């Protein structure tokens, strides 16, 4: 059951939304219900992007959304900042994992020319 504040967040339709709250406060439930609400209001699932800080959080969010919407399947994108933006670089510019420098490689190159 959602509180009135949570329901307000779920039903928000004017632009993007950021959900900030403490541990165990129902953020995942709010976000998964919001995604489903957006889809029920005509937003195409492939236009919805859910970004988290960790792979575990992205996986958990996706699994909860899939349980909420089963047996339907919606093509919503879930991922971490790094994974989502790597996909953008890969799809838009043809980057590969090998074409992006790791921190240690960047440091080595910069110190070699300094």
N, C-alpha and C. Protein backbone atom coordinates (compact mmCIF):
# COMPACT_ATOMS: atom_id res chain seq x y z
N UNK A 1 0.84 -1.18 0.00
CA UNK A 1 0.00 0.00 0.00
C UNK A 1 0.89 1.24 0.00
N UNK A 2 0.57 2.19 -0.85
CA UNK A 2 1.36 3.42 -0.95
C UNK A 2 0.77 4.52 -0.08
N UNK A 3 1.64 5.32 0.53
CA UNK A 3 1.18 6.49 1.29
C UNK A 3 0.74 7.57 0.31
N UNK A 4 0.15 8.64 0.81
CA UNK A 4 -0.29 9.72 -0.08
C UNK A 4 0.91 10.39 -0.75
N UNK A 5 2.03 10.57 -0.03
CA UNK A 5 3.23 11.15 -0.64
C UNK A 5 3.80 10.24 -1.72
N UNK A 6 3.81 8.94 -1.45
CA UNK A 6 4.29 7.99 -2.45
C UNK A 6 3.39 8.00 -3.68
N UNK A 7 2.08 8.06 -3.47
CA UNK A 7 1.14 8.10 -4.58
C UNK A 7 1.33 9.36 -5.42
N UNK A 8 1.64 10.48 -4.77
CA UNK A 8 1.92 11.72 -5.49
C UNK A 8 3.12 11.52 -6.41
N UNK A 9 4.16 10.87 -5.90
CA UNK A 9 5.36 10.61 -6.72
C UNK A 9 5.03 9.67 -7.87
N UNK A 10 4.24 8.65 -7.62
CA UNK A 10 3.87 7.68 -8.66
C UNK A 10 3.09 8.38 -9.77
N UNK A 11 2.18 9.27 -9.42
CA UNK A 11 1.28 9.89 -10.39
C UNK A 11 1.84 11.15 -11.04
N UNK A 12 3.02 11.58 -10.63
CA UNK A 12 3.65 12.78 -11.21
C UNK A 12 3.85 12.56 -12.71
N UNK A 13 3.36 13.50 -13.52
CA UNK A 13 3.46 13.33 -14.98
C UNK A 13 4.22 14.47 -15.67
N UNK A 14 4.55 15.53 -14.98
CA UNK A 14 5.18 16.70 -15.61
C UNK A 14 6.69 16.62 -15.53
N UNK A 15 7.31 15.99 -16.51
CA UNK A 15 8.76 15.92 -16.55
C UNK A 15 9.35 14.80 -15.72
N UNK A 16 10.68 14.78 -15.64
CA UNK A 16 11.36 13.70 -14.92
C UNK A 16 11.11 13.80 -13.42
N UNK A 17 11.40 12.72 -12.73
CA UNK A 17 11.23 12.68 -11.28
C UNK A 17 12.46 12.04 -10.65
N UNK A 18 12.86 12.56 -9.51
CA UNK A 18 13.94 11.96 -8.73
C UNK A 18 13.35 11.58 -7.38
N UNK A 19 13.55 10.34 -6.98
CA UNK A 19 13.01 9.86 -5.70
C UNK A 19 14.17 9.76 -4.72
N UNK A 20 14.12 10.59 -3.68
CA UNK A 20 15.16 10.61 -2.65
C UNK A 20 14.51 10.27 -1.31
N UNK A 21 15.01 9.24 -0.67
CA UNK A 21 14.48 8.84 0.64
C UNK A 21 15.46 7.88 1.28
N UNK A 22 15.28 7.65 2.55
CA UNK A 22 16.17 6.78 3.31
C UNK A 22 15.94 5.31 3.02
N UNK A 23 16.82 4.46 3.55
CA UNK A 23 16.70 3.01 3.36
C UNK A 23 15.38 2.48 3.91
N UNK A 24 14.79 1.57 3.18
CA UNK A 24 13.57 0.91 3.64
C UNK A 24 12.32 1.77 3.59
N UNK A 25 12.38 2.89 2.88
CA UNK A 25 11.24 3.81 2.85
C UNK A 25 10.27 3.53 1.71
N UNK A 26 10.60 2.58 0.84
CA UNK A 26 9.70 2.24 -0.26
C UNK A 26 10.05 2.88 -1.59
N UNK A 27 11.29 3.32 -1.76
CA UNK A 27 11.70 3.96 -3.02
C UNK A 27 11.50 3.03 -4.21
N UNK A 28 11.94 1.80 -4.07
CA UNK A 28 11.82 0.85 -5.19
C UNK A 28 10.36 0.62 -5.54
N UNK A 29 9.51 0.50 -4.55
CA UNK A 29 8.09 0.31 -4.80
C UNK A 29 7.51 1.54 -5.51
N UNK A 30 7.90 2.73 -5.08
CA UNK A 30 7.42 3.95 -5.72
C UNK A 30 7.87 4.00 -7.17
N UNK A 31 9.14 3.72 -7.42
CA UNK A 31 9.67 3.83 -8.78
C UNK A 31 9.04 2.78 -9.69
N UNK A 32 8.93 1.55 -9.23
CA UNK A 32 8.34 0.52 -10.10
C UNK A 32 6.88 0.82 -10.38
N UNK A 33 6.15 1.31 -9.40
CA UNK A 33 4.76 1.69 -9.63
C UNK A 33 4.66 2.90 -10.54
N UNK A 34 5.60 3.83 -10.42
CA UNK A 34 5.61 5.01 -11.30
C UNK A 34 5.85 4.60 -12.75
N UNK A 35 6.77 3.69 -12.97
CA UNK A 35 7.04 3.22 -14.33
C UNK A 35 5.77 2.63 -14.93
N UNK A 36 5.11 1.78 -14.16
CA UNK A 36 3.87 1.16 -14.65
C UNK A 36 2.79 2.21 -14.89
N UNK A 37 2.71 3.21 -14.02
CA UNK A 37 1.74 4.30 -14.19
C UNK A 37 2.03 5.07 -15.48
N UNK A 38 3.30 5.38 -15.73
CA UNK A 38 3.66 6.10 -16.96
C UNK A 38 3.23 5.30 -18.19
N UNK A 39 3.49 4.01 -18.18
CA UNK A 39 3.12 3.16 -19.31
C UNK A 39 1.61 3.14 -19.48
N UNK A 40 0.87 3.05 -18.37
CA UNK A 40 -0.59 3.02 -18.45
C UNK A 40 -1.16 4.35 -18.94
N UNK A 41 -0.37 5.43 -18.85
CA UNK A 41 -0.79 6.75 -19.34
C UNK A 41 -0.28 7.02 -20.76
N UNK A 42 0.29 6.00 -21.40
CA UNK A 42 0.67 6.14 -22.80
C UNK A 42 2.13 6.38 -23.09
N UNK A 43 2.97 6.45 -22.06
CA UNK A 43 4.41 6.61 -22.31
C UNK A 43 4.94 5.27 -22.82
N UNK A 44 5.67 5.33 -23.92
CA UNK A 44 6.22 4.10 -24.50
C UNK A 44 7.32 3.56 -23.59
N UNK A 45 7.27 2.27 -23.26
CA UNK A 45 8.27 1.69 -22.35
C UNK A 45 9.71 1.92 -22.80
N UNK A 46 9.95 1.88 -24.11
CA UNK A 46 11.33 2.07 -24.60
C UNK A 46 11.81 3.50 -24.43
N UNK A 47 10.93 4.42 -24.02
CA UNK A 47 11.33 5.80 -23.74
C UNK A 47 11.56 6.04 -22.24
N UNK A 48 11.51 4.99 -21.45
CA UNK A 48 11.70 5.11 -20.01
C UNK A 48 13.09 4.57 -19.65
N UNK A 49 13.85 5.39 -18.93
CA UNK A 49 15.21 5.05 -18.51
C UNK A 49 15.28 5.12 -16.99
N UNK A 50 15.69 4.02 -16.36
CA UNK A 50 15.82 3.95 -14.91
C UNK A 50 17.31 3.77 -14.60
N UNK A 51 17.91 4.77 -13.93
CA UNK A 51 19.34 4.73 -13.64
C UNK A 51 19.55 4.59 -12.14
N UNK A 52 20.44 3.66 -11.77
CA UNK A 52 20.80 3.45 -10.37
C UNK A 52 22.32 3.56 -10.23
N UNK A 53 22.79 3.51 -9.00
CA UNK A 53 24.23 3.60 -8.77
C UNK A 53 24.93 2.25 -8.87
N UNK A 54 24.23 1.17 -8.55
CA UNK A 54 24.88 -0.14 -8.53
C UNK A 54 24.16 -1.13 -9.43
N UNK A 55 24.91 -2.13 -9.90
CA UNK A 55 24.30 -3.19 -10.71
C UNK A 55 23.24 -3.94 -9.92
N UNK A 56 23.53 -4.17 -8.65
CA UNK A 56 22.57 -4.90 -7.81
C UNK A 56 21.26 -4.13 -7.70
N UNK A 57 21.34 -2.83 -7.53
CA UNK A 57 20.11 -2.02 -7.44
C UNK A 57 19.36 -2.03 -8.77
N UNK A 58 20.07 -1.95 -9.88
CA UNK A 58 19.42 -1.98 -11.20
C UNK A 58 18.73 -3.32 -11.41
N UNK A 59 19.41 -4.40 -11.06
CA UNK A 59 18.84 -5.74 -11.20
C UNK A 59 17.60 -5.89 -10.33
N UNK A 60 17.71 -5.45 -9.08
CA UNK A 60 16.58 -5.56 -8.15
C UNK A 60 15.38 -4.74 -8.64
N UNK A 61 15.64 -3.54 -9.13
CA UNK A 61 14.57 -2.69 -9.64
C UNK A 61 13.89 -3.36 -10.83
N UNK A 62 14.67 -3.89 -11.75
CA UNK A 62 14.11 -4.55 -12.92
C UNK A 62 13.29 -5.78 -12.52
N UNK A 63 13.82 -6.58 -11.61
CA UNK A 63 13.10 -7.78 -11.16
C UNK A 63 11.78 -7.42 -10.49
N UNK A 64 11.79 -6.40 -9.66
CA UNK A 64 10.54 -5.99 -9.00
C UNK A 64 9.53 -5.46 -10.01
N UNK A 65 10.02 -4.71 -10.99
CA UNK A 65 9.12 -4.20 -12.03
C UNK A 65 8.53 -5.36 -12.82
N UNK A 66 9.35 -6.34 -13.17
CA UNK A 66 8.86 -7.49 -13.93
C UNK A 66 7.84 -8.29 -13.13
N UNK A 67 8.06 -8.42 -11.82
CA UNK A 67 7.06 -9.11 -10.97
C UNK A 67 5.75 -8.33 -10.92
N UNK A 68 5.85 -7.01 -10.84
CA UNK A 68 4.67 -6.15 -10.78
C UNK A 68 3.84 -6.25 -12.05
N UNK A 69 4.51 -6.39 -13.19
CA UNK A 69 3.82 -6.32 -14.48
C UNK A 69 3.61 -7.68 -15.14
N UNK A 70 4.06 -8.77 -14.51
CA UNK A 70 3.91 -10.11 -15.11
C UNK A 70 2.43 -10.39 -15.34
N UNK A 71 2.08 -11.04 -16.42
CA UNK A 71 2.92 -11.70 -17.41
C UNK A 71 3.33 -10.79 -18.58
N UNK A 72 2.93 -9.51 -18.53
CA UNK A 72 3.32 -8.61 -19.61
C UNK A 72 4.83 -8.36 -19.57
N UNK A 73 5.38 -8.02 -20.73
CA UNK A 73 6.81 -7.70 -20.80
C UNK A 73 6.95 -6.33 -21.46
N UNK A 74 7.58 -5.40 -20.75
CA UNK A 74 7.79 -4.05 -21.26
C UNK A 74 9.28 -3.81 -21.43
N UNK A 75 9.67 -3.13 -22.51
CA UNK A 75 11.08 -2.87 -22.81
C UNK A 75 11.56 -1.58 -22.16
N UNK A 76 11.57 -1.56 -20.85
CA UNK A 76 12.10 -0.43 -20.08
C UNK A 76 13.59 -0.68 -19.88
N UNK A 77 14.41 0.38 -19.96
CA UNK A 77 15.85 0.23 -19.76
C UNK A 77 16.20 0.51 -18.30
N UNK A 78 16.86 -0.46 -17.68
CA UNK A 78 17.36 -0.35 -16.32
C UNK A 78 18.88 -0.48 -16.38
N UNK A 79 19.60 0.33 -15.62
CA UNK A 79 21.05 0.17 -15.59
C UNK A 79 21.72 1.18 -14.68
N UNK A 80 23.03 1.01 -14.54
CA UNK A 80 23.82 1.96 -13.77
C UNK A 80 24.21 3.12 -14.67
N UNK A 81 24.69 4.21 -14.07
CA UNK A 81 25.18 5.33 -14.86
C UNK A 81 26.20 4.84 -15.88
N UNK A 82 27.18 4.06 -15.40
CA UNK A 82 28.25 3.60 -16.28
C UNK A 82 27.72 2.72 -17.40
N UNK A 83 26.86 1.77 -17.09
CA UNK A 83 26.36 0.85 -18.11
C UNK A 83 25.52 1.57 -19.15
N UNK A 84 24.65 2.46 -18.71
CA UNK A 84 23.77 3.17 -19.64
C UNK A 84 24.59 4.06 -20.57
N UNK A 85 25.52 4.82 -20.01
CA UNK A 85 26.28 5.73 -20.85
C UNK A 85 27.31 5.00 -21.71
N UNK A 86 27.78 3.85 -21.27
CA UNK A 86 28.62 3.04 -22.15
C UNK A 86 27.81 2.56 -23.35
N UNK A 87 26.56 2.15 -23.12
CA UNK A 87 25.70 1.72 -24.23
C UNK A 87 25.48 2.86 -25.22
N UNK A 88 25.34 4.08 -24.72
CA UNK A 88 25.18 5.24 -25.61
C UNK A 88 26.44 5.41 -26.45
N UNK A 89 27.61 5.36 -25.82
CA UNK A 89 28.87 5.48 -26.57
C UNK A 89 29.01 4.35 -27.59
N UNK A 90 28.64 3.16 -27.19
CA UNK A 90 28.75 1.99 -28.07
C UNK A 90 27.81 2.12 -29.27
N UNK A 91 26.55 2.46 -29.01
CA UNK A 91 25.56 2.53 -30.09
C UNK A 91 25.72 3.75 -30.98
N UNK A 92 26.04 4.89 -30.39
CA UNK A 92 26.13 6.12 -31.17
C UNK A 92 27.47 6.29 -31.87
N UNK A 93 28.54 5.80 -31.24
CA UNK A 93 29.88 6.08 -31.77
C UNK A 93 30.71 4.84 -32.06
N UNK A 94 30.16 3.66 -31.80
CA UNK A 94 30.87 2.43 -32.09
C UNK A 94 31.99 2.10 -31.12
N UNK A 95 31.99 2.72 -29.94
CA UNK A 95 33.03 2.43 -28.96
C UNK A 95 32.91 0.98 -28.50
N UNK A 96 34.04 0.42 -28.11
CA UNK A 96 34.06 -0.90 -27.49
C UNK A 96 34.71 -0.76 -26.12
N UNK A 97 34.62 -1.79 -25.32
CA UNK A 97 35.25 -1.74 -24.00
C UNK A 97 36.76 -1.51 -24.14
N UNK A 98 37.34 -2.03 -25.21
CA UNK A 98 38.78 -1.87 -25.42
C UNK A 98 39.14 -0.45 -25.86
N UNK A 99 38.19 0.31 -26.39
CA UNK A 99 38.51 1.65 -26.88
C UNK A 99 38.35 2.72 -25.80
N UNK A 100 37.93 2.33 -24.61
CA UNK A 100 37.77 3.28 -23.51
C UNK A 100 38.88 3.01 -22.50
N UNK A 101 39.62 4.06 -22.16
CA UNK A 101 40.76 3.91 -21.27
C UNK A 101 40.34 3.73 -19.81
N UNK A 102 40.98 2.78 -19.17
CA UNK A 102 40.79 2.59 -17.73
C UNK A 102 41.58 3.67 -16.99
N UNK A 103 41.27 3.89 -15.71
CA UNK A 103 41.95 4.91 -14.91
C UNK A 103 43.46 4.72 -14.89
N UNK A 104 43.91 3.47 -14.70
CA UNK A 104 45.35 3.24 -14.62
C UNK A 104 46.03 3.54 -15.95
N UNK A 105 45.36 3.26 -17.07
CA UNK A 105 45.93 3.56 -18.38
C UNK A 105 46.01 5.07 -18.61
N UNK A 106 44.96 5.79 -18.21
CA UNK A 106 44.96 7.25 -18.35
C UNK A 106 46.10 7.85 -17.55
N UNK A 107 46.26 7.39 -16.33
CA UNK A 107 47.32 7.90 -15.45
C UNK A 107 48.69 7.64 -16.07
N UNK A 108 48.89 6.44 -16.59
CA UNK A 108 50.18 6.08 -17.19
C UNK A 108 50.48 6.98 -18.38
N UNK A 109 49.50 7.22 -19.23
CA UNK A 109 49.71 8.05 -20.42
C UNK A 109 50.00 9.49 -20.02
N UNK A 110 49.22 10.02 -19.09
CA UNK A 110 49.40 11.41 -18.68
C UNK A 110 50.77 11.61 -18.03
N UNK A 111 51.16 10.69 -17.17
CA UNK A 111 52.47 10.84 -16.51
C UNK A 111 53.62 10.65 -17.49
N UNK A 112 53.41 9.89 -18.55
CA UNK A 112 54.50 9.68 -19.52
C UNK A 112 54.73 10.91 -20.39
N UNK A 113 53.72 11.77 -20.55
CA UNK A 113 53.90 12.96 -21.39
C UNK A 113 54.10 14.22 -20.55
N UNK A 114 53.98 14.11 -19.25
CA UNK A 114 54.12 15.29 -18.38
C UNK A 114 55.57 15.59 -18.07
